[in-house]
């Protein structure tokens, strides 16, 4: 049984076989003990919104960094690839 730190990871693993491995919704719903309708809803949300659909609360969905900050983080990671995410976050 996988150990997930976040509920979003669990929700991703529920739809991942449907998206990447051509598993039927009926088969996956049976494996998970979910209704097919619930799984179709999750899959539809994932196809429409991507990863953001996995976040349950609106607060979690709205927590986005401005694009300039995201670009800075990507640039810093490219420039200082040995840095971990905590070190990147602490760059002043």
PDB file of N, CA and C in Angstrom:
ATOM      1  N   UNK A   1       0.849  -1.182   0.000  1.00  0.00           N
ATOM      2  CA  UNK A   1       0.000   0.000   0.000  1.00  0.00           C
ATOM      3  C   UNK A   1       0.892   1.242   0.000  1.00  0.00           C
ATOM      4  N   UNK A   2       0.688   2.136  -0.961  1.00  0.00           N
ATOM      5  CA  UNK A   2       1.542   3.324  -1.028  1.00  0.00           C
ATOM      6  C   UNK A   2       1.302   4.261   0.154  1.00  0.00           C
ATOM      7  N   UNK A   3       2.358   4.934   0.519  1.00  0.00           N
ATOM      8  CA  UNK A   3       2.277   5.934   1.590  1.00  0.00           C
ATOM      9  C   UNK A   3       2.323   7.310   0.942  1.00  0.00           C
ATOM     10  N   UNK A   4       1.246   8.056   1.082  1.00  0.00           N
ATOM     11  CA  UNK A   4       1.174   9.385   0.501  1.00  0.00           C
ATOM     12  C   UNK A   4       1.241  10.411   1.613  1.00  0.00           C
ATOM     13  N   UNK A   5       1.974  11.479   1.367  1.00  0.00           N
ATOM     14  CA  UNK A   5       2.040  12.563   2.335  1.00  0.00           C
ATOM     15  C   UNK A   5       0.879  13.526   2.168  1.00  0.00           C
ATOM     16  N   UNK A   6       0.347  13.638   0.955  1.00  0.00           N
ATOM     17  CA  UNK A   6      -0.705  14.606   0.686  1.00  0.00           C
ATOM     18  C   UNK A   6      -1.880  13.935  -0.010  1.00  0.00           C
ATOM     19  N   UNK A   7      -3.093  14.403   0.263  1.00  0.00           N
ATOM     20  CA  UNK A   7      -4.269  13.823  -0.403  1.00  0.00           C
ATOM     21  C   UNK A   7      -4.237  14.034  -1.919  1.00  0.00           C
ATOM     22  N   UNK A   8      -3.574  15.084  -2.367  1.00  0.00           N
ATOM     23  CA  UNK A   8      -3.477  15.335  -3.804  1.00  0.00           C
ATOM     24  C   UNK A   8      -2.716  14.209  -4.506  1.00  0.00           C
ATOM     25  N   UNK A   9      -1.712  13.638  -3.834  1.00  0.00           N
ATOM     26  CA  UNK A   9      -0.975  12.517  -4.405  1.00  0.00           C
ATOM     27  C   UNK A   9      -1.896  11.323  -4.607  1.00  0.00           C
ATOM     28  N   UNK A  10      -2.726  11.059  -3.625  1.00  0.00           N
ATOM     29  CA  UNK A  10      -3.669   9.935  -3.697  1.00  0.00           C
ATOM     30  C   UNK A  10      -4.642  10.141  -4.851  1.00  0.00           C
ATOM     31  N   UNK A  11      -5.176  11.360  -4.968  1.00  0.00           N
ATOM     32  CA  UNK A  11      -6.122  11.644  -6.043  1.00  0.00           C
ATOM     33  C   UNK A  11      -5.463  11.507  -7.418  1.00  0.00           C
ATOM     34  N   UNK A  12      -4.190  11.901  -7.522  1.00  0.00           N
ATOM     35  CA  UNK A  12      -3.477  11.737  -8.793  1.00  0.00           C
ATOM     36  C   UNK A  12      -3.315  10.256  -9.130  1.00  0.00           C
ATOM     37  N   UNK A  13      -2.934   9.460  -8.148  1.00  0.00           N
ATOM     38  CA  UNK A  13      -2.749   8.029  -8.392  1.00  0.00           C
ATOM     39  C   UNK A  13      -4.052   7.337  -8.770  1.00  0.00           C
ATOM     40  N   UNK A  14      -5.179   7.881  -8.361  1.00  0.00           N
ATOM     41  CA  UNK A  14      -6.464   7.309  -8.742  1.00  0.00           C
ATOM     42  C   UNK A  14      -6.731   7.475 -10.240  1.00  0.00           C
ATOM     43  N   UNK A  15      -6.346   8.612 -10.807  1.00  0.00           N
ATOM     44  CA  UNK A  15      -6.635   8.863 -12.223  1.00  0.00           C
ATOM     45  C   UNK A  15      -5.460   8.559 -13.154  1.00  0.00           C
ATOM     46  N   UNK A  16      -4.272   8.417 -12.611  1.00  0.00           N
ATOM     47  CA  UNK A  16      -3.081   8.210 -13.452  1.00  0.00           C
ATOM     48  C   UNK A  16      -3.204   7.026 -14.409  1.00  0.00           C
ATOM     49  N   UNK A  17      -3.647   5.841 -13.953  1.00  0.00           N
ATOM     50  CA  UNK A  17      -3.767   4.728 -14.903  1.00  0.00           C
ATOM     51  C   UNK A  17      -4.768   4.997 -16.033  1.00  0.00           C
ATOM     52  N   UNK A  18      -5.763   5.809 -15.754  1.00  0.00           N
ATOM     53  CA  UNK A  18      -6.747   6.148 -16.785  1.00  0.00           C
ATOM     54  C   UNK A  18      -6.156   7.066 -17.846  1.00  0.00           C
ATOM     55  N   UNK A  19      -5.281   7.943 -17.408  1.00  0.00           N
ATOM     56  CA  UNK A  19      -4.698   8.936 -18.308  1.00  0.00           C
ATOM     57  C   UNK A  19      -3.539   8.347 -19.106  1.00  0.00           C
ATOM     58  N   UNK A  20      -2.705   7.559 -18.454  1.00  0.00           N
ATOM     59  CA  UNK A  20      -1.460   7.115 -19.089  1.00  0.00           C
ATOM     60  C   UNK A  20      -1.458   5.674 -19.603  1.00  0.00           C
ATOM     61  N   UNK A  21      -2.315   4.815 -19.063  1.00  0.00           N
ATOM     62  CA  UNK A  21      -2.177   3.397 -19.374  1.00  0.00           C
ATOM     63  C   UNK A  21      -3.421   2.756 -19.985  1.00  0.00           C
ATOM     64  N   UNK A  22      -4.375   3.532 -20.437  1.00  0.00           N
ATOM     65  CA  UNK A  22      -5.550   3.019 -21.127  1.00  0.00           C
ATOM     66  C   UNK A  22      -6.308   1.975 -20.307  1.00  0.00           C
ATOM     67  N   UNK A  23      -6.411   2.195 -19.006  1.00  0.00           N
ATOM     68  CA  UNK A  23      -7.199   1.340 -18.126  1.00  0.00           C
ATOM     69  C   UNK A  23      -8.643   1.830 -18.188  1.00  0.00           C
ATOM     70  N   UNK A  24      -9.589   0.912 -18.182  1.00  0.00           N
ATOM     71  CA  UNK A  24     -10.989   1.322 -18.258  1.00  0.00           C
ATOM     72  C   UNK A  24     -11.454   1.904 -16.927  1.00  0.00           C
ATOM     73  N   UNK A  25     -12.405   2.807 -17.011  1.00  0.00           N
ATOM     74  CA  UNK A  25     -12.954   3.438 -15.814  1.00  0.00           C
ATOM     75  C   UNK A  25     -13.624   2.392 -14.931  1.00  0.00           C
ATOM     76  N   UNK A  26     -14.340   1.460 -15.542  1.00  0.00           N
ATOM     77  CA  UNK A  26     -15.019   0.416 -14.764  1.00  0.00           C
ATOM     78  C   UNK A  26     -14.014  -0.425 -13.977  1.00  0.00           C
ATOM     79  N   UNK A  27     -12.928  -0.794 -14.632  1.00  0.00           N
ATOM     80  CA  UNK A  27     -11.890  -1.608 -13.978  1.00  0.00           C
ATOM     81  C   UNK A  27     -11.246  -0.830 -12.824  1.00  0.00           C
ATOM     82  N   UNK A  28     -10.896   0.408 -13.084  1.00  0.00           N
ATOM     83  CA  UNK A  28     -10.223   1.218 -12.050  1.00  0.00           C
ATOM     84  C   UNK A  28     -11.167   1.523 -10.893  1.00  0.00           C
ATOM     85  N   UNK A  29     -12.416   1.788 -11.183  1.00  0.00           N
ATOM     86  CA  UNK A  29     -13.392   2.054 -10.123  1.00  0.00           C
ATOM     87  C   UNK A  29     -13.523   0.836  -9.218  1.00  0.00           C
ATOM     88  N   UNK A  30     -13.526  -0.360  -9.810  1.00  0.00           N
ATOM     89  CA  UNK A  30     -13.581  -1.580  -9.014  1.00  0.00           C
ATOM     90  C   UNK A  30     -12.359  -1.754  -8.133  1.00  0.00           C
ATOM     91  N   UNK A  31     -11.180  -1.422  -8.661  1.00  0.00           N
ATOM     92  CA  UNK A  31      -9.938  -1.523  -7.886  1.00  0.00           C
ATOM     93  C   UNK A  31      -9.955  -0.576  -6.691  1.00  0.00           C
ATOM     94  N   UNK A  32     -10.520   0.599  -6.897  1.00  0.00           N
ATOM     95  CA  UNK A  32     -10.487   1.632  -5.855  1.00  0.00           C
ATOM     96  C   UNK A  32     -11.686   1.580  -4.919  1.00  0.00           C
ATOM     97  N   UNK A  33     -12.727   0.879  -5.326  1.00  0.00           N
ATOM     98  CA  UNK A  33     -13.955   0.869  -4.530  1.00  0.00           C
ATOM     99  C   UNK A  33     -14.737   2.159  -4.654  1.00  0.00           C
ATOM    100  N   UNK A  34     -14.627   2.800  -5.810  1.00  0.00           N
ATOM    101  CA  UNK A  34     -15.353   4.041  -6.093  1.00  0.00           C
ATOM    102  C   UNK A  34     -16.418   3.764  -7.140  1.00  0.00           C
ATOM    103  N   UNK A  35     -17.400   4.634  -7.219  1.00  0.00           N
ATOM    104  CA  UNK A  35     -18.376   4.504  -8.296  1.00  0.00           C
ATOM    105  C   UNK A  35     -17.735   4.998  -9.592  1.00  0.00           C
ATOM    106  N   UNK A  36     -18.212   4.460 -10.689  1.00  0.00           N
ATOM    107  CA  UNK A  36     -17.700   4.902 -11.989  1.00  0.00           C
ATOM    108  C   UNK A  36     -17.980   6.381 -12.202  1.00  0.00           C
ATOM    109  N   UNK A  37     -19.141   6.827 -11.736  1.00  0.00           N
ATOM    110  CA  UNK A  37     -19.512   8.234 -11.899  1.00  0.00           C
ATOM    111  C   UNK A  37     -18.511   9.153 -11.195  1.00  0.00           C
ATOM    112  N   UNK A  38     -18.129   8.778  -9.961  1.00  0.00           N
ATOM    113  CA  UNK A  38     -17.160   9.590  -9.213  1.00  0.00           C
ATOM    114  C   UNK A  38     -15.828   9.634  -9.947  1.00  0.00           C
ATOM    115  N   UNK A  39     -15.427   8.491 -10.479  1.00  0.00           N
ATOM    116  CA  UNK A  39     -14.148   8.438 -11.183  1.00  0.00           C
ATOM    117  C   UNK A  39     -14.201   9.219 -12.495  1.00  0.00           C
ATOM    118  N   UNK A  40     -15.329   9.166 -13.201  1.00  0.00           N
ATOM    119  CA  UNK A  40     -15.483   9.974 -14.412  1.00  0.00           C
ATOM    120  C   UNK A  40     -15.388  11.468 -14.087  1.00  0.00           C
ATOM    121  N   UNK A  41     -15.969  11.869 -12.946  1.00  0.00           N
ATOM    122  CA  UNK A  41     -15.909  13.276 -12.529  1.00  0.00           C
ATOM    123  C   UNK A  41     -14.459  13.688 -12.263  1.00  0.00           C
ATOM    124  N   UNK A  42     -13.739  12.845 -11.556  1.00  0.00           N
ATOM    125  CA  UNK A  42     -12.328  13.163 -11.257  1.00  0.00           C
ATOM    126  C   UNK A  42     -11.494  13.208 -12.530  1.00  0.00           C
ATOM    127  N   UNK A  43     -11.726  12.260 -13.413  1.00  0.00           N
ATOM    128  CA  UNK A  43     -10.998  12.232 -14.677  1.00  0.00           C
ATOM    129  C   UNK A  43     -11.327  13.456 -15.523  1.00  0.00           C
ATOM    130  N   UNK A  44     -12.607  13.826 -15.576  1.00  0.00           N
ATOM    131  CA  UNK A  44     -13.007  15.013 -16.336  1.00  0.00           C
ATOM    132  C   UNK A  44     -12.376  16.273 -15.787  1.00  0.00           C
ATOM    133  N   UNK A  45     -12.334  16.383 -14.463  1.00  0.00           N
ATOM    134  CA  UNK A  45     -11.688  17.537 -13.839  1.00  0.00           C
ATOM    135  C   UNK A  45     -10.211  17.584 -14.157  1.00  0.00           C
ATOM    136  N   UNK A  46      -9.571  16.417 -14.125  1.00  0.00           N
ATOM    137  CA  UNK A  46      -8.137  16.363 -14.416  1.00  0.00           C
ATOM    138  C   UNK A  46      -7.861  16.733 -15.873  1.00  0.00           C
ATOM    139  N   UNK A  47      -8.691  16.243 -16.781  1.00  0.00           N
ATOM    140  CA  UNK A  47      -8.490  16.568 -18.197  1.00  0.00           C
ATOM    141  C   UNK A  47      -8.753  18.042 -18.482  1.00  0.00           C
ATOM    142  N   UNK A  48      -9.693  18.642 -17.750  1.00  0.00           N
ATOM    143  CA  UNK A  48     -10.026  20.051 -17.976  1.00  0.00           C
ATOM    144  C   UNK A  48      -9.056  21.011 -17.293  1.00  0.00           C
ATOM    145  N   UNK A  49      -8.682  20.705 -16.054  1.00  0.00           N
ATOM    146  CA  UNK A  49      -7.890  21.636 -15.258  1.00  0.00           C
ATOM    147  C   UNK A  49      -6.474  21.174 -14.973  1.00  0.00           C
ATOM    148  N   UNK A  50      -6.166  19.924 -15.266  1.00  0.00           N
ATOM    149  CA  UNK A  50      -4.838  19.405 -14.980  1.00  0.00           C
ATOM    150  C   UNK A  50      -4.642  19.180 -13.490  1.00  0.00           C
ATOM    151  N   UNK A  51      -3.426  19.345 -13.055  1.00  0.00           N
ATOM    152  CA  UNK A  51      -3.041  19.093 -11.664  1.00  0.00           C
ATOM    153  C   UNK A  51      -3.878  19.907 -10.681  1.00  0.00           C
ATOM    154  N   UNK A  52      -4.274  21.097 -11.063  1.00  0.00           N
ATOM    155  CA  UNK A  52      -5.044  21.955 -10.153  1.00  0.00           C
ATOM    156  C   UNK A  52      -6.348  21.309  -9.720  1.00  0.00           C
ATOM    157  N   UNK A  53      -6.897  20.419 -10.527  1.00  0.00           N
ATOM    158  CA  UNK A  53      -8.152  19.765 -10.158  1.00  0.00           C
ATOM    159  C   UNK A  53      -7.992  18.838  -8.962  1.00  0.00           C
ATOM    160  N   UNK A  54      -6.769  18.470  -8.634  1.00  0.00           N
ATOM    161  CA  UNK A  54      -6.522  17.542  -7.527  1.00  0.00           C
ATOM    162  C   UNK A  54      -6.579  18.229  -6.168  1.00  0.00           C
ATOM    163  N   UNK A  55      -6.514  19.542  -6.166  1.00  0.00           N
ATOM    164  CA  UNK A  55      -6.557  20.284  -4.917  1.00  0.00           C
ATOM    165  C   UNK A  55      -8.001  20.521  -4.530  1.00  0.00           C
ATOM    166  N   UNK A  56      -8.358  20.078  -3.335  1.00  0.00           N
ATOM    167  CA  UNK A  56      -9.758  20.069  -2.910  1.00  0.00           C
ATOM    168  C   UNK A  56     -10.320  21.461  -2.629  1.00  0.00           C
ATOM    169  N   UNK A  57      -9.568  22.298  -1.958  1.00  0.00           N
ATOM    170  CA  UNK A  57     -10.127  23.579  -1.527  1.00  0.00           C
ATOM    171  C   UNK A  57      -9.797  24.697  -2.515  1.00  0.00           C
ATOM    172  N   UNK A  58     -10.659  25.673  -2.566  1.00  0.00           N
ATOM    173  CA  UNK A  58     -10.413  26.844  -3.413  1.00  0.00           C
ATOM    174  C   UNK A  58      -9.174  27.594  -2.937  1.00  0.00           C
ATOM    175  N   UNK A  59      -8.961  27.605  -1.623  1.00  0.00           N
ATOM    176  CA  UNK A  59      -7.777  28.280  -1.082  1.00  0.00           C
ATOM    177  C   UNK A  59      -6.512  27.644  -1.639  1.00  0.00           C
ATOM    178  N   UNK A  60      -6.466  26.331  -1.656  1.00  0.00           N
ATOM    179  CA  UNK A  60      -5.299  25.632  -2.190  1.00  0.00           C
ATOM    180  C   UNK A  60      -5.133  25.895  -3.679  1.00  0.00           C
ATOM    181  N   UNK A  61      -6.241  25.973  -4.393  1.00  0.00           N
ATOM    182  CA  UNK A  61      -6.173  26.224  -5.831  1.00  0.00           C
ATOM    183  C   UNK A  61      -5.691  27.633  -6.142  1.00  0.00           C
ATOM    184  N   UNK A  62      -6.017  28.576  -5.285  1.00  0.00           N
ATOM    185  CA  UNK A  62      -5.673  29.974  -5.553  1.00  0.00           C
ATOM    186  C   UNK A  62      -4.257  30.338  -5.108  1.00  0.00           C
ATOM    187  N   UNK A  63      -3.599  29.460  -4.382  1.00  0.00           N
ATOM    188  CA  UNK A  63      -2.250  29.770  -3.932  1.00  0.00           C
ATOM    189  C   UNK A  63      -1.274  29.599  -5.081  1.00  0.00           C
ATOM    190  N   UNK A  64      -1.101  30.641  -5.835  1.00  0.00           N
ATOM    191  CA  UNK A  64      -0.184  30.609  -6.968  1.00  0.00           C
ATOM    192  C   UNK A  64       0.811  31.744  -6.823  1.00  0.00           C
ATOM    193  N   UNK A  65       1.999  31.460  -7.208  1.00  0.00           N
ATOM    194  CA  UNK A  65       3.004  32.510  -7.224  1.00  0.00           C
ATOM    195  C   UNK A  65       2.850  33.319  -8.502  1.00  0.00           C
ATOM    196  N   UNK A  66       3.155  34.593  -8.440  1.00  0.00           N
ATOM    197  CA  UNK A  66       3.147  35.387  -9.667  1.00  0.00           C
ATOM    198  C   UNK A  66       4.121  34.791 -10.688  1.00  0.00           C
ATOM    199  N   UNK A  67       3.829  34.966 -11.953  1.00  0.00           N
ATOM    200  CA  UNK A  67       4.653  34.351 -13.001  1.00  0.00           C
ATOM    201  C   UNK A  67       6.108  34.814 -12.930  1.00  0.00           C
ATOM    202  N   UNK A  68       6.351  36.067 -12.532  1.00  0.00           N
ATOM    203  CA  UNK A  68       7.732  36.560 -12.418  1.00  0.00           C
ATOM    204  C   UNK A  68       8.494  35.797 -11.335  1.00  0.00           C
ATOM    205  N   UNK A  69       7.819  35.479 -10.245  1.00  0.00           N
ATOM    206  CA  UNK A  69       8.464  34.734  -9.155  1.00  0.00           C
ATOM    207  C   UNK A  69       8.719  33.294  -9.589  1.00  0.00           C
ATOM    208  N   UNK A  70       7.744  32.705 -10.269  1.00  0.00           N
ATOM    209  CA  UNK A  70       7.941  31.334 -10.771  1.00  0.00           C
ATOM    210  C   UNK A  70       9.114  31.279 -11.740  1.00  0.00           C
ATOM    211  N   UNK A  71       9.208  32.267 -12.614  1.00  0.00           N
ATOM    212  CA  UNK A  71      10.314  32.322 -13.580  1.00  0.00           C
ATOM    213  C   UNK A  71      11.652  32.459 -12.850  1.00  0.00           C
ATOM    214  N   UNK A  72      11.693  33.283 -11.797  1.00  0.00           N
ATOM    215  CA  UNK A  72      12.912  33.462 -11.011  1.00  0.00           C
ATOM    216  C   UNK A  72      13.336  32.138 -10.374  1.00  0.00           C
ATOM    217  N   UNK A  73      12.388  31.394  -9.850  1.00  0.00           N
ATOM    218  CA  UNK A  73      12.694  30.106  -9.225  1.00  0.00           C
ATOM    219  C   UNK A  73      13.273  29.139 -10.253  1.00  0.00           C
ATOM    220  N   UNK A  74      12.664  29.081 -11.426  1.00  0.00           N
ATOM    221  CA  UNK A  74      13.166  28.202 -12.483  1.00  0.00           C
ATOM    222  C   UNK A  74      14.576  28.607 -12.893  1.00  0.00           C
ATOM    223  N   UNK A  75      14.805  29.915 -13.037  1.00  0.00           N
ATOM    224  CA  UNK A  75      16.127  30.406 -13.414  1.00  0.00           C
ATOM    225  C   UNK A  75      17.164  30.095 -12.349  1.00  0.00           C
ATOM    226  N   UNK A  76      16.792  30.283 -11.076  1.00  0.00           N
ATOM    227  CA  UNK A  76      17.718  29.969  -9.988  1.00  0.00           C
ATOM    228  C   UNK A  76      18.057  28.483  -9.959  1.00  0.00           C
ATOM    229  N   UNK A  77      17.077  27.642 -10.164  1.00  0.00           N
ATOM    230  CA  UNK A  77      17.315  26.200 -10.169  1.00  0.00           C
ATOM    231  C   UNK A  77      18.217  25.816 -11.332  1.00  0.00           C
ATOM    232  N   UNK A  78      18.039  26.459 -12.482  1.00  0.00           N
ATOM    233  CA  UNK A  78      18.895  26.175 -13.633  1.00  0.00           C
ATOM    234  C   UNK A  78      20.327  26.635 -13.383  1.00  0.00           C
ATOM    235  N   UNK A  79      20.454  27.792 -12.752  1.00  0.00           N
ATOM    236  CA  UNK A  79      21.782  28.352 -12.478  1.00  0.00           C
ATOM    237  C   UNK A  79      22.499  27.619 -11.346  1.00  0.00           C
ATOM    238  N   UNK A  80      21.742  27.173 -10.349  1.00  0.00           N
ATOM    239  CA  UNK A  80      22.312  26.519  -9.167  1.00  0.00           C
ATOM    240  C   UNK A  80      21.651  25.151  -8.994  1.00  0.00           C
ATOM    241  N   UNK A  81      21.875  24.261  -9.935  1.00  0.00           N
ATOM    242  CA  UNK A  81      21.180  22.970  -9.922  1.00  0.00           C
ATOM    243  C   UNK A  81      21.430  22.120  -8.677  1.00  0.00           C
ATOM    244  N   UNK A  82      22.592  22.221  -8.007  1.00  0.00           N
ATOM    245  CA  UNK A  82      22.760  21.411  -6.791  1.00  0.00           C
ATOM    246  C   UNK A  82      21.874  21.870  -5.626  1.00  0.00           C
ATOM    247  N   UNK A  83      21.345  23.089  -5.690  1.00  0.00           N
ATOM    248  CA  UNK A  83      20.513  23.589  -4.596  1.00  0.00           C
ATOM    249  C   UNK A  83      19.221  22.772  -4.507  1.00  0.00           C
ATOM    250  N   UNK A  84      18.798  22.484  -3.280  1.00  0.00           N
ATOM    251  CA  UNK A  84      17.487  21.852  -3.106  1.00  0.00           C
ATOM    252  C   UNK A  84      16.431  22.959  -3.022  1.00  0.00           C
ATOM    253  N   UNK A  85      15.163  22.567  -2.933  1.00  0.00           N
ATOM    254  CA  UNK A  85      14.103  23.568  -2.966  1.00  0.00           C
ATOM    255  C   UNK A  85      14.135  24.507  -1.761  1.00  0.00           C
ATOM    256  N   UNK A  86      14.543  24.002  -0.618  1.00  0.00           N
ATOM    257  CA  UNK A  86      14.647  24.857   0.576  1.00  0.00           C
ATOM    258  C   UNK A  86      15.725  25.918   0.368  1.00  0.00           C
ATOM    259  N   UNK A  87      16.851  25.529  -0.216  1.00  0.00           N
ATOM    260  CA  UNK A  87      17.911  26.502  -0.472  1.00  0.00           C
ATOM    261  C   UNK A  87      17.468  27.543  -1.505  1.00  0.00           C
ATOM    262  N   UNK A  88      16.758  27.106  -2.511  1.00  0.00           N
ATOM    263  CA  UNK A  88      16.232  28.059  -3.501  1.00  0.00           C
ATOM    264  C   UNK A  88      15.270  29.032  -2.842  1.00  0.00           C
ATOM    265  N   UNK A  89      14.411  28.520  -1.947  1.00  0.00           N
ATOM    266  CA  UNK A  89      13.425  29.372  -1.277  1.00  0.00           C
ATOM    267  C   UNK A  89      14.083  30.406  -0.372  1.00  0.00           C
ATOM    268  N   UNK A  90      15.271  30.117   0.131  1.00  0.00           N
ATOM    269  CA  UNK A  90      15.941  31.028   1.054  1.00  0.00           C
ATOM    270  C   UNK A  90      16.906  31.991   0.384  1.00  0.00           C
ATOM    271  N   UNK A  91      16.988  31.950  -0.939  1.00  0.00           N
ATOM    272  CA  UNK A  91      17.836  32.904  -1.650  1.00  0.00           C
ATOM    273  C   UNK A  91      17.210  34.272  -1.530  1.00  0.00           C
ATOM    274  N   UNK A  92      17.993  35.248  -1.097  1.00  0.00           N
ATOM    275  CA  UNK A  92      17.441  36.599  -0.900  1.00  0.00           C
ATOM    276  C   UNK A  92      17.649  37.469  -2.109  1.00  0.00           C
TER     277      UNK A  92
END
